[in-house]
PDB file of N, CA and C in Angstrom:
ATOM      1  N   UNK A   1      28.315  18.216 -14.296  1.00  0.00           N
ATOM      2  CA  UNK A   1      28.060  18.689 -12.948  1.00  0.00           C
ATOM      3  C   UNK A   1      26.777  18.028 -12.434  1.00  0.00           C
ATOM      4  N   UNK A   2      26.844  17.496 -11.234  1.00  0.00           N
ATOM      5  CA  UNK A   2      25.663  16.904 -10.616  1.00  0.00           C
ATOM      6  C   UNK A   2      24.731  17.992 -10.105  1.00  0.00           C
ATOM      7  N   UNK A   3      23.451  17.775 -10.344  1.00  0.00           N
ATOM      8  CA  UNK A   3      22.429  18.684  -9.822  1.00  0.00           C
ATOM      9  C   UNK A   3      21.415  17.867  -9.022  1.00  0.00           C
ATOM     10  N   UNK A   4      20.880  18.505  -7.984  1.00  0.00           N
ATOM     11  CA  UNK A   4      19.850  17.843  -7.191  1.00  0.00           C
ATOM     12  C   UNK A   4      18.498  18.263  -7.751  1.00  0.00           C
ATOM     13  N   UNK A   5      17.709  17.270  -8.186  1.00  0.00           N
ATOM     14  CA  UNK A   5      16.421  17.561  -8.815  1.00  0.00           C
ATOM     15  C   UNK A   5      15.321  16.699  -8.200  1.00  0.00           C
ATOM     16  N   UNK A   6      14.092  17.148  -8.359  1.00  0.00           N
ATOM     17  CA  UNK A   6      12.945  16.397  -7.866  1.00  0.00           C
ATOM     18  C   UNK A   6      12.851  15.063  -8.599  1.00  0.00           C
ATOM     19  N   UNK A   7      12.712  13.973  -7.845  1.00  0.00           N
ATOM     20  CA  UNK A   7      12.593  12.624  -8.400  1.00  0.00           C
ATOM     21  C   UNK A   7      11.187  12.065  -8.200  1.00  0.00           C
ATOM     22  N   UNK A   8      10.612  12.312  -7.012  1.00  0.00           N
ATOM     23  CA  UNK A   8       9.313  11.751  -6.646  1.00  0.00           C
ATOM     24  C   UNK A   8       8.530  12.763  -5.822  1.00  0.00           C
ATOM     25  N   UNK A   9       7.209  12.799  -6.067  1.00  0.00           N
ATOM     26  CA  UNK A   9       6.369  13.735  -5.312  1.00  0.00           C
ATOM     27  C   UNK A   9       4.996  13.116  -5.077  1.00  0.00           C
ATOM     28  N   UNK A  10       4.579  13.115  -3.815  1.00  0.00           N
ATOM     29  CA  UNK A  10       3.213  12.747  -3.455  1.00  0.00           C
ATOM     30  C   UNK A  10       2.552  14.028  -2.952  1.00  0.00           C
ATOM     31  N   UNK A  11       1.495  14.452  -3.634  1.00  0.00           N
ATOM     32  CA  UNK A  11       0.849  15.718  -3.319  1.00  0.00           C
ATOM     33  C   UNK A  11      -0.532  15.459  -2.737  1.00  0.00           C
ATOM     34  N   UNK A  12      -0.884  16.201  -1.698  1.00  0.00           N
ATOM     35  CA  UNK A  12      -2.168  16.120  -0.994  1.00  0.00           C
ATOM     36  C   UNK A  12      -2.275  14.854  -0.148  1.00  0.00           C
ATOM     37  N   UNK A  13      -1.126  14.255   0.230  1.00  0.00           N
ATOM     38  CA  UNK A  13      -1.154  13.080   1.104  1.00  0.00           C
ATOM     39  C   UNK A  13      -1.762  13.477   2.449  1.00  0.00           C
ATOM     40  N   UNK A  14      -2.641  12.637   2.965  1.00  0.00           N
ATOM     41  CA  UNK A  14      -3.322  12.909   4.233  1.00  0.00           C
ATOM     42  C   UNK A  14      -2.654  12.106   5.346  1.00  0.00           C
ATOM     43  N   UNK A  15      -2.310  12.787   6.445  1.00  0.00           N
ATOM     44  CA  UNK A  15      -1.700  12.103   7.592  1.00  0.00           C
ATOM     45  C   UNK A  15      -2.787  11.318   8.317  1.00  0.00           C
ATOM     46  N   UNK A  16      -2.619  10.002   8.366  1.00  0.00           N
ATOM     47  CA  UNK A  16      -3.586   9.121   9.021  1.00  0.00           C
ATOM     48  C   UNK A  16      -3.424   9.123  10.534  1.00  0.00           C
ATOM     49  N   UNK A  17      -2.183   9.303  10.989  1.00  0.00           N
ATOM     50  CA  UNK A  17      -1.907   9.357  12.421  1.00  0.00           C
ATOM     51  C   UNK A  17      -0.507   9.905  12.629  1.00  0.00           C
ATOM     52  N   UNK A  18      -0.255  10.450  13.815  1.00  0.00           N
ATOM     53  CA  UNK A  18       1.080  10.921  14.190  1.00  0.00           C
ATOM     54  C   UNK A  18       1.380  10.372  15.582  1.00  0.00           C
ATOM     55  N   UNK A  19       2.529   9.705  15.685  1.00  0.00           N
ATOM     56  CA  UNK A  19       2.869   8.974  16.905  1.00  0.00           C
ATOM     57  C   UNK A  19       4.229   9.450  17.412  1.00  0.00           C
ATOM     58  N   UNK A  20       4.228  10.216  18.490  1.00  0.00           N
ATOM     59  CA  UNK A  20       5.464  10.772  19.032  1.00  0.00           C
ATOM     60  C   UNK A  20       6.368   9.677  19.591  1.00  0.00           C
ATOM     61  N   UNK A  21       5.802   8.712  20.310  1.00  0.00           N
ATOM     62  CA  UNK A  21       6.596   7.669  20.966  1.00  0.00           C
ATOM     63  C   UNK A  21       7.018   6.594  19.968  1.00  0.00           C
ATOM     64  N   UNK A  22       7.822   7.003  19.013  1.00  0.00           N
ATOM     65  CA  UNK A  22       8.325   6.099  17.989  1.00  0.00           C
ATOM     66  C   UNK A  22       9.694   6.594  17.582  1.00  0.00           C
ATOM     67  N   UNK A  23      10.530   5.717  17.149  1.00  0.00           N
ATOM     68  CA  UNK A  23      11.907   6.026  16.774  1.00  0.00           C
ATOM     69  C   UNK A  23      12.025   7.147  15.742  1.00  0.00           C
ATOM     70  N   UNK A  24      11.091   7.243  14.832  1.00  0.00           N
ATOM     71  CA  UNK A  24      11.096   8.324  13.858  1.00  0.00           C
ATOM     72  C   UNK A  24      11.001   7.851  12.439  1.00  0.00           C
ATOM     73  N   UNK A  25      10.380   8.621  11.587  1.00  0.00           N
ATOM     74  CA  UNK A  25      10.264   8.398  10.147  1.00  0.00           C
ATOM     75  C   UNK A  25       8.854   8.728   9.674  1.00  0.00           C
ATOM     76  N   UNK A  26       8.629   8.549   8.386  1.00  0.00           N
ATOM     77  CA  UNK A  26       7.290   8.638   7.822  1.00  0.00           C
ATOM     78  C   UNK A  26       6.974   7.276   7.223  1.00  0.00           C
ATOM     79  N   UNK A  27       5.852   6.726   7.598  1.00  0.00           N
ATOM     80  CA  UNK A  27       5.446   5.417   7.085  1.00  0.00           C
ATOM     81  C   UNK A  27       4.499   5.621   5.915  1.00  0.00           C
ATOM     82  N   UNK A  28       4.846   5.001   4.789  1.00  0.00           N
ATOM     83  CA  UNK A  28       4.067   5.111   3.556  1.00  0.00           C
ATOM     84  C   UNK A  28       3.780   3.693   3.076  1.00  0.00           C
ATOM     85  N   UNK A  29       2.529   3.393   2.687  1.00  0.00           N
ATOM     86  CA  UNK A  29       2.237   2.041   2.202  1.00  0.00           C
ATOM     87  C   UNK A  29       3.151   1.643   1.038  1.00  0.00           C
ATOM     88  N   UNK A  30       3.564   0.389   1.038  1.00  0.00           N
ATOM     89  CA  UNK A  30       4.488  -0.114   0.008  1.00  0.00           C
ATOM     90  C   UNK A  30       3.986   0.124  -1.411  1.00  0.00           C
ATOM     91  N   UNK A  31       2.676  -0.021  -1.629  1.00  0.00           N
ATOM     92  CA  UNK A  31       2.157   0.173  -2.982  1.00  0.00           C
ATOM     93  C   UNK A  31       2.349   1.619  -3.443  1.00  0.00           C
ATOM     94  N   UNK A  32       2.156   2.580  -2.550  1.00  0.00           N
ATOM     95  CA  UNK A  32       2.405   3.988  -2.896  1.00  0.00           C
ATOM     96  C   UNK A  32       3.893   4.241  -3.086  1.00  0.00           C
ATOM     97  N   UNK A  33       4.720   3.600  -2.251  1.00  0.00           N
ATOM     98  CA  UNK A  33       6.171   3.741  -2.409  1.00  0.00           C
ATOM     99  C   UNK A  33       6.599   3.282  -3.801  1.00  0.00           C
ATOM    100  N   UNK A  34       6.079   2.138  -4.230  1.00  0.00           N
ATOM    101  CA  UNK A  34       6.440   1.615  -5.552  1.00  0.00           C
ATOM    102  C   UNK A  34       5.990   2.557  -6.659  1.00  0.00           C
ATOM    103  N   UNK A  35       4.764   3.047  -6.576  1.00  0.00           N
ATOM    104  CA  UNK A  35       4.239   3.969  -7.594  1.00  0.00           C
ATOM    105  C   UNK A  35       5.050   5.258  -7.655  1.00  0.00           C
ATOM    106  N   UNK A  36       5.534   5.707  -6.488  1.00  0.00           N
ATOM    107  CA  UNK A  36       6.284   6.966  -6.404  1.00  0.00           C
ATOM    108  C   UNK A  36       7.788   6.772  -6.577  1.00  0.00           C
ATOM    109  N   UNK A  37       8.231   5.535  -6.757  1.00  0.00           N
ATOM    110  CA  UNK A  37       9.659   5.220  -6.889  1.00  0.00           C
ATOM    111  C   UNK A  37      10.438   5.653  -5.641  1.00  0.00           C
ATOM    112  N   UNK A  38       9.921   5.253  -4.471  1.00  0.00           N
ATOM    113  CA  UNK A  38      10.588   5.517  -3.199  1.00  0.00           C
ATOM    114  C   UNK A  38      11.117   4.211  -2.619  1.00  0.00           C
ATOM    115  N   UNK A  39      12.273   4.271  -1.985  1.00  0.00           N
ATOM    116  CA  UNK A  39      12.883   3.108  -1.339  1.00  0.00           C
ATOM    117  C   UNK A  39      12.730   3.207   0.173  1.00  0.00           C
ATOM    118  N   UNK A  40      12.729   2.063   0.826  1.00  0.00           N
ATOM    119  CA  UNK A  40      12.786   2.032   2.286  1.00  0.00           C
ATOM    120  C   UNK A  40      14.072   2.720   2.720  1.00  0.00           C
ATOM    121  N   UNK A  41      13.970   3.612   3.670  1.00  0.00           N
ATOM    122  CA  UNK A  41      15.130   4.335   4.174  1.00  0.00           C
ATOM    123  C   UNK A  41      15.505   5.570   3.374  1.00  0.00           C
ATOM    124  N   UNK A  42      14.809   5.817   2.269  1.00  0.00           N
ATOM    125  CA  UNK A  42      15.147   6.981   1.436  1.00  0.00           C
ATOM    126  C   UNK A  42      14.773   8.288   2.148  1.00  0.00           C
ATOM    127  N   UNK A  43      15.641   9.256   2.038  1.00  0.00           N
ATOM    128  CA  UNK A  43      15.401  10.575   2.638  1.00  0.00           C
ATOM    129  C   UNK A  43      14.331  11.315   1.839  1.00  0.00           C
ATOM    130  N   UNK A  44      13.393  11.930   2.570  1.00  0.00           N
ATOM    131  CA  UNK A  44      12.337  12.725   1.943  1.00  0.00           C
ATOM    132  C   UNK A  44      12.172  14.056   2.667  1.00  0.00           C
ATOM    133  N   UNK A  45      11.725  15.022   1.931  1.00  0.00           N
ATOM    134  CA  UNK A  45      11.325  16.311   2.482  1.00  0.00           C
ATOM    135  C   UNK A  45       9.809  16.271   2.595  1.00  0.00           C
ATOM    136  N   UNK A  46       9.304  16.540   3.788  1.00  0.00           N
ATOM    137  CA  UNK A  46       7.869  16.517   4.053  1.00  0.00           C
ATOM    138  C   UNK A  46       7.438  17.940   4.368  1.00  0.00           C
ATOM    139  N   UNK A  47       6.445  18.433   3.621  1.00  0.00           N
ATOM    140  CA  UNK A  47       5.948  19.801   3.818  1.00  0.00           C
ATOM    141  C   UNK A  47       4.446  19.748   4.065  1.00  0.00           C
ATOM    142  N   UNK A  48       4.011  20.343   5.165  1.00  0.00           N
ATOM    143  CA  UNK A  48       2.585  20.419   5.462  1.00  0.00           C
ATOM    144  C   UNK A  48       1.946  21.512   4.613  1.00  0.00           C
ATOM    145  N   UNK A  49       0.934  21.156   3.880  1.00  0.00           N
ATOM    146  CA  UNK A  49       0.185  22.136   3.083  1.00  0.00           C
ATOM    147  C   UNK A  49      -0.614  23.040   4.014  1.00  0.00           C
ATOM    148  N   UNK A  50      -1.024  22.505   5.156  1.00  0.00           N
ATOM    149  CA  UNK A  50      -1.895  23.240   6.082  1.00  0.00           C
ATOM    150  C   UNK A  50      -1.156  24.203   6.998  1.00  0.00           C
ATOM    151  N   UNK A  51       0.045  23.833   7.472  1.00  0.00           N
ATOM    152  CA  UNK A  51       0.733  24.682   8.450  1.00  0.00           C
ATOM    153  C   UNK A  51       2.077  25.216   7.963  1.00  0.00           C
ATOM    154  N   UNK A  52       2.532  24.742   6.814  1.00  0.00           N
ATOM    155  CA  UNK A  52       3.832  25.116   6.240  1.00  0.00           C
ATOM    156  C   UNK A  52       5.013  24.515   7.003  1.00  0.00           C
ATOM    157  N   UNK A  53       4.755  23.635   7.975  1.00  0.00           N
ATOM    158  CA  UNK A  53       5.857  22.939   8.656  1.00  0.00           C
ATOM    159  C   UNK A  53       6.599  22.100   7.626  1.00  0.00           C
ATOM    160  N   UNK A  54       7.934  22.077   7.737  1.00  0.00           N
ATOM    161  CA  UNK A  54       8.768  21.304   6.821  1.00  0.00           C
ATOM    162  C   UNK A  54       9.782  20.524   7.638  1.00  0.00           C
ATOM    163  N   UNK A  55      10.062  19.293   7.199  1.00  0.00           N
ATOM    164  CA  UNK A  55      11.066  18.490   7.873  1.00  0.00           C
ATOM    165  C   UNK A  55      11.596  17.432   6.922  1.00  0.00           C
ATOM    166  N   UNK A  56      12.780  16.936   7.254  1.00  0.00           N
ATOM    167  CA  UNK A  56      13.371  15.829   6.519  1.00  0.00           C
ATOM    168  C   UNK A  56      13.338  14.605   7.406  1.00  0.00           C
ATOM    169  N   UNK A  57      13.051  13.460   6.792  1.00  0.00           N
ATOM    170  CA  UNK A  57      13.046  12.194   7.500  1.00  0.00           C
ATOM    171  C   UNK A  57      13.310  11.097   6.481  1.00  0.00           C
ATOM    172  N   UNK A  58      13.089   9.848   6.871  1.00  0.00           N
ATOM    173  CA  UNK A  58      13.288   8.736   5.950  1.00  0.00           C
ATOM    174  C   UNK A  58      12.007   7.921   5.851  1.00  0.00           C
ATOM    175  N   UNK A  59      11.882   7.183   4.755  1.00  0.00           N
ATOM    176  CA  UNK A  59      10.673   6.415   4.475  1.00  0.00           C
ATOM    177  C   UNK A  59      10.744   5.047   5.147  1.00  0.00           C
ATOM    178  N   UNK A  60       9.658   4.691   5.795  1.00  0.00           N
ATOM    179  CA  UNK A  60       9.477   3.376   6.386  1.00  0.00           C
ATOM    180  C   UNK A  60       8.312   2.714   5.648  1.00  0.00           C
ATOM    181  N   UNK A  61       8.494   1.494   5.106  1.00  0.00           N
ATOM    182  CA  UNK A  61       7.403   0.837   4.373  1.00  0.00           C
ATOM    183  C   UNK A  61       6.240   0.468   5.290  1.00  0.00           C
ATOM    184  N   UNK A  62       5.035   0.766   4.829  1.00  0.00           N
ATOM    185  CA  UNK A  62       3.823   0.408   5.552  1.00  0.00           C
ATOM    186  C   UNK A  62       3.051  -0.658   4.807  1.00  0.00           C
ATOM    187  N   UNK A  63       1.999  -1.131   5.420  1.00  0.00           N
ATOM    188  CA  UNK A  63       1.163  -2.187   4.853  1.00  0.00           C
ATOM    189  C   UNK A  63       0.528  -1.709   3.545  1.00  0.00           C
ATOM    190  N   UNK A  64       0.756  -2.446   2.449  1.00  0.00           N
ATOM    191  CA  UNK A  64       0.183  -2.025   1.164  1.00  0.00           C
ATOM    192  C   UNK A  64      -1.348  -2.063   1.190  1.00  0.00           C
ATOM    193  N   UNK A  65      -1.934  -1.152   0.425  1.00  0.00           N
ATOM    194  CA  UNK A  65      -3.379  -1.124   0.279  1.00  0.00           C
ATOM    195  C   UNK A  65      -4.137  -0.444   1.400  1.00  0.00           C
ATOM    196  N   UNK A  66      -3.441  -0.003   2.448  1.00  0.00           N
ATOM    197  CA  UNK A  66      -4.134   0.613   3.586  1.00  0.00           C
ATOM    198  C   UNK A  66      -4.362   2.107   3.405  1.00  0.00           C
ATOM    199  N   UNK A  67      -3.512   2.761   2.634  1.00  0.00           N
ATOM    200  CA  UNK A  67      -3.594   4.212   2.493  1.00  0.00           C
ATOM    201  C   UNK A  67      -3.128   4.961   3.726  1.00  0.00           C
ATOM    202  N   UNK A  68      -2.592   4.268   4.713  1.00  0.00           N
ATOM    203  CA  UNK A  68      -2.178   4.915   5.967  1.00  0.00           C
ATOM    204  C   UNK A  68      -0.799   5.548   5.828  1.00  0.00           C
ATOM    205  N   UNK A  69      -0.745   6.858   6.029  1.00  0.00           N
ATOM    206  CA  UNK A  69       0.522   7.580   6.073  1.00  0.00           C
ATOM    207  C   UNK A  69       0.694   8.069   7.500  1.00  0.00           C
ATOM    208  N   UNK A  70       1.761   7.612   8.152  1.00  0.00           N
ATOM    209  CA  UNK A  70       1.995   7.909   9.563  1.00  0.00           C
ATOM    210  C   UNK A  70       3.229   8.779   9.717  1.00  0.00           C
ATOM    211  N   UNK A  71       3.121   9.775  10.576  1.00  0.00           N
ATOM    212  CA  UNK A  71       4.255  10.612  10.967  1.00  0.00           C
ATOM    213  C   UNK A  71       4.680  10.146  12.350  1.00  0.00           C
ATOM    214  N   UNK A  72       5.945   9.764  12.477  1.00  0.00           N
ATOM    215  CA  UNK A  72       6.429   9.161  13.722  1.00  0.00           C
ATOM    216  C   UNK A  72       7.547   9.972  14.360  1.00  0.00           C
ATOM    217  N   UNK A  73       7.759   9.746  15.660  1.00  0.00           N
ATOM    218  CA  UNK A  73       8.853  10.368  16.395  1.00  0.00           C
ATOM    219  C   UNK A  73       8.655  11.856  16.592  1.00  0.00           C
ATOM    220  N   UNK A  74       9.769  12.562  16.695  1.00  0.00           N
ATOM    221  CA  UNK A  74       9.725  14.008  16.942  1.00  0.00           C
ATOM    222  C   UNK A  74       8.954  14.771  15.880  1.00  0.00           C
ATOM    223  N   UNK A  75       8.925  14.252  14.652  1.00  0.00           N
ATOM    224  CA  UNK A  75       8.179  14.912  13.577  1.00  0.00           C
ATOM    225  C   UNK A  75       6.693  15.027  13.915  1.00  0.00           C
ATOM    226  N   UNK A  76       6.194  14.106  14.756  1.00  0.00           N
ATOM    227  CA  UNK A  76       4.788  14.132  15.147  1.00  0.00           C
ATOM    228  C   UNK A  76       4.454  15.337  16.028  1.00  0.00           C
ATOM    229  N   UNK A  77       5.467  16.028  16.533  1.00  0.00           N
ATOM    230  CA  UNK A  77       5.225  17.273  17.263  1.00  0.00           C
ATOM    231  C   UNK A  77       4.962  18.435  16.314  1.00  0.00           C
ATOM    232  N   UNK A  78       5.366  18.305  15.060  1.00  0.00           N
ATOM    233  CA  UNK A  78       5.213  19.384  14.081  1.00  0.00           C
ATOM    234  C   UNK A  78       4.092  19.128  13.082  1.00  0.00           C
ATOM    235  N   UNK A  79       3.848  17.856  12.768  1.00  0.00           N
ATOM    236  CA  UNK A  79       2.830  17.504  11.777  1.00  0.00           C
ATOM    237  C   UNK A  79       1.864  16.524  12.428  1.00  0.00           C
ATOM    238  N   UNK A  80       0.577  16.822  12.350  1.00  0.00           N
ATOM    239  CA  UNK A  80      -0.448  16.074  13.083  1.00  0.00           C
ATOM    240  C   UNK A  80      -1.401  15.324  12.158  1.00  0.00           C
ATOM    241  N   UNK A  81      -2.135  14.407  12.758  1.00  0.00           N
ATOM    242  CA  UNK A  81      -3.180  13.655  12.063  1.00  0.00           C
ATOM    243  C   UNK A  81      -4.134  14.635  11.379  1.00  0.00           C
ATOM    244  N   UNK A  82      -4.503  14.335  10.142  1.00  0.00           N
ATOM    245  CA  UNK A  82      -5.453  15.161   9.404  1.00  0.00           C
ATOM    246  C   UNK A  82      -4.821  16.257   8.561  1.00  0.00           C
ATOM    247  N   UNK A  83      -3.513  16.483   8.695  1.00  0.00           N
ATOM    248  CA  UNK A  83      -2.853  17.487   7.855  1.00  0.00           C
ATOM    249  C   UNK A  83      -2.592  16.911   6.470  1.00  0.00           C
ATOM    250  N   UNK A  84      -2.618  17.804   5.489  1.00  0.00           N
ATOM    251  CA  UNK A  84      -2.288  17.425   4.119  1.00  0.00           C
ATOM    252  C   UNK A  84      -0.819  17.735   3.870  1.00  0.00           C
ATOM    253  N   UNK A  85      -0.152  16.821   3.143  1.00  0.00           N
ATOM    254  CA  UNK A  85       1.294  16.927   2.944  1.00  0.00           C
ATOM    255  C   UNK A  85       1.677  16.906   1.469  1.00  0.00           C
ATOM    256  N   UNK A  86       2.857  17.453   1.218  1.00  0.00           N
ATOM    257  CA  UNK A  86       3.597  17.168  -0.003  1.00  0.00           C
ATOM    258  C   UNK A  86       4.851  16.442   0.448  1.00  0.00           C
ATOM    259  N   UNK A  87       5.074  15.247  -0.107  1.00  0.00           N
ATOM    260  CA  UNK A  87       6.235  14.430   0.232  1.00  0.00           C
ATOM    261  C   UNK A  87       7.121  14.381  -1.007  1.00  0.00           C
ATOM    262  N   UNK A  88       8.393  14.805  -0.867  1.00  0.00           N
ATOM    263  CA  UNK A  88       9.279  14.918  -2.022  1.00  0.00           C
ATOM    264  C   UNK A  88      10.589  14.187  -1.787  1.00  0.00           C
ATOM    265  N   UNK A  89      11.078  13.528  -2.829  1.00  0.00           N
ATOM    266  CA  UNK A  89      12.402  12.907  -2.815  1.00  0.00           C
ATOM    267  C   UNK A  89      13.181  13.487  -3.988  1.00  0.00           C
ATOM    268  N   UNK A  90      14.483  13.594  -3.808  1.00  0.00           N
ATOM    269  CA  UNK A  90      15.340  14.225  -4.806  1.00  0.00           C
ATOM    270  C   UNK A  90      16.437  13.260  -5.237  1.00  0.00           C
ATOM    271  N   UNK A  91      17.007  13.509  -6.410  1.00  0.00           N
ATOM    272  CA  UNK A  91      18.096  12.680  -6.930  1.00  0.00           C
ATOM    273  C   UNK A  91      19.217  13.586  -7.410  1.00  0.00           C
ATOM    274  N   UNK A  92      20.430  13.054  -7.368  1.00  0.00           N
ATOM    275  CA  UNK A  92      21.578  13.735  -7.963  1.00  0.00           C
ATOM    276  C   UNK A  92      21.781  13.168  -9.363  1.00  0.00           C
ATOM    277  N   UNK A  93      21.858  14.045 -10.363  1.00  0.00           N
ATOM    278  CA  UNK A  93      21.977  13.585 -11.736  1.00  0.00           C
ATOM    279  C   UNK A  93      22.723  14.616 -12.580  1.00  0.00           C
ATOM    280  N   UNK A  94      23.322  14.139 -13.634  1.00  0.00           N
ATOM    281  CA  UNK A  94      23.964  15.034 -14.598  1.00  0.00           C
ATOM    282  C   UNK A  94      23.043  15.361 -15.762  1.00  0.00           C
ATOM    283  N   UNK A  95      21.943  14.621 -15.860  1.00  0.00           N
ATOM    284  CA  UNK A  95      20.994  14.851 -16.947  1.00  0.00           C
ATOM    285  C   UNK A  95      19.607  15.091 -16.363  1.00  0.00           C
ATOM    286  N   UNK A  96      18.782  15.857 -17.055  1.00  0.00           N
ATOM    287  CA  UNK A  96      17.427  16.086 -16.558  1.00  0.00           C
ATOM    288  C   UNK A  96      16.653  14.767 -16.437  1.00  0.00           C
ATOM    289  N   UNK A  97      15.800  14.684 -15.421  1.00  0.00           N
ATOM    290  CA  UNK A  97      14.919  13.526 -15.267  1.00  0.00           C
ATOM    291  C   UNK A  97      13.486  14.029 -15.143  1.00  0.00           C
ATOM    292  N   UNK A  98      12.560  13.183 -15.482  1.00  0.00           N
ATOM    293  CA  UNK A  98      11.141  13.503 -15.354  1.00  0.00           C
ATOM    294  C   UNK A  98      10.655  12.900 -14.044  1.00  0.00           C
ATOM    295  N   UNK A  99      10.270  13.707 -13.061  1.00  0.00           N
ATOM    296  CA  UNK A  99       9.871  13.155 -11.763  1.00  0.00           C
ATOM    297  C   UNK A  99       8.525  12.437 -11.827  1.00  0.00           C
ATOM    298  N   UNK A 100       8.355  11.464 -10.938  1.00  0.00           N
ATOM    299  CA  UNK A 100       7.061  10.824 -10.737  1.00  0.00           C
ATOM    300  C   UNK A 100       6.255  11.753  -9.842  1.00  0.00           C
ATOM    301  N   UNK A 101       5.053  12.115 -10.270  1.00  0.00           N
ATOM    302  CA  UNK A 101       4.197  13.001  -9.477  1.00  0.00           C
ATOM    303  C   UNK A 101       2.849  12.322  -9.285  1.00  0.00           C
ATOM    304  N   UNK A 102       2.492  12.090  -8.028  1.00  0.00           N
ATOM    305  CA  UNK A 102       1.213  11.474  -7.687  1.00  0.00           C
ATOM    306  C   UNK A 102       0.368  12.473  -6.907  1.00  0.00           C
ATOM    307  N   UNK A 103      -0.883  12.623  -7.293  1.00  0.00           N
ATOM    308  CA  UNK A 103      -1.847  13.426  -6.540  1.00  0.00           C
ATOM    309  C   UNK A 103      -2.771  12.438  -5.849  1.00  0.00           C
ATOM    310  N   UNK A 104      -2.942  12.617  -4.539  1.00  0.00           N
ATOM    311  CA  UNK A 104      -3.721  11.684  -3.736  1.00  0.00           C
ATOM    312  C   UNK A 104      -5.015  12.316  -3.250  1.00  0.00           C
ATOM    313  N   UNK A 105      -6.005  11.462  -2.948  1.00  0.00           N
ATOM    314  CA  UNK A 105      -7.249  11.954  -2.350  1.00  0.00           C
ATOM    315  C   UNK A 105      -7.148  11.847  -0.825  1.00  0.00           C
ATOM    316  N   UNK A 106      -8.235  12.103  -0.123  1.00  0.00           N
ATOM    317  CA  UNK A 106      -8.231  12.123   1.347  1.00  0.00           C
ATOM    318  C   UNK A 106      -7.957  10.752   1.963  1.00  0.00           C
ATOM    319  N   UNK A 107      -8.120   9.669   1.195  1.00  0.00           N
ATOM    320  CA  UNK A 107      -7.812   8.314   1.679  1.00  0.00           C
ATOM    321  C   UNK A 107      -6.469   7.834   1.134  1.00  0.00           C
ATOM    322  N   UNK A 108      -5.693   8.766   0.558  1.00  0.00           N
ATOM    323  CA  UNK A 108      -4.363   8.484  -0.005  1.00  0.00           C
ATOM    324  C   UNK A 108      -4.405   7.495  -1.168  1.00  0.00           C
ATOM    325  N   UNK A 109      -5.479   7.578  -1.943  1.00  0.00           N
ATOM    326  CA  UNK A 109      -5.560   6.841  -3.198  1.00  0.00           C
ATOM    327  C   UNK A 109      -5.091   7.768  -4.310  1.00  0.00           C
ATOM    328  N   UNK A 110      -4.449   7.205  -5.308  1.00  0.00           N
ATOM    329  CA  UNK A 110      -3.945   7.998  -6.430  1.00  0.00           C
ATOM    330  C   UNK A 110      -5.119   8.437  -7.308  1.00  0.00           C
ATOM    331  N   UNK A 111      -5.230   9.763  -7.478  1.00  0.00           N
ATOM    332  CA  UNK A 111      -6.266  10.290  -8.366  1.00  0.00           C
ATOM    333  C   UNK A 111      -5.677  10.789  -9.684  1.00  0.00           C
ATOM    334  N   UNK A 112      -4.367  11.037  -9.673  1.00  0.00           N
ATOM    335  CA  UNK A 112      -3.691  11.447 -10.893  1.00  0.00           C
ATOM    336  C   UNK A 112      -2.211  11.133 -10.745  1.00  0.00           C
ATOM    337  N   UNK A 113      -1.609  10.670 -11.820  1.00  0.00           N
ATOM    338  CA  UNK A 113      -0.184  10.408 -11.795  1.00  0.00           C
ATOM    339  C   UNK A 113       0.422  10.823 -13.108  1.00  0.00           C
ATOM    340  N   UNK A 114       1.719  11.075 -13.074  1.00  0.00           N
ATOM    341  CA  UNK A 114       2.391  11.457 -14.282  1.00  0.00           C
ATOM    342  C   UNK A 114       3.887  11.519 -14.069  1.00  0.00           C
ATOM    343  N   UNK A 115       4.562  11.585 -15.158  1.00  0.00           N
ATOM    344  CA  UNK A 115       6.018  11.779 -15.188  1.00  0.00           C
ATOM    345  C   UNK A 115       6.278  13.036 -15.943  1.00  0.00           C
TER     346      UNK A 115
END
């Protein structure tokens, strides 16, 4: 039986900017995407630690090394610049998997990682 389980998690991610006039998505630097095992276009659940707002969107690759996490489109009406986020991706599997978990600082640098 397939089960949906946590595959990737970025915790304490800081929103660098939120731009309503954009097609939509969350932009994450490519280097963080690689560390978190996220693909361009992958569906993610985004939860604000500060306001409890939750939404689903897809990942858009951003410039590596910048630490900029952007909330775009209609999602920018719910999650604003300066909010802290948990970003989660899930997988369907028949066997247990160990998720990638990254804890980030205020500049979205990895301070702790693990599987």
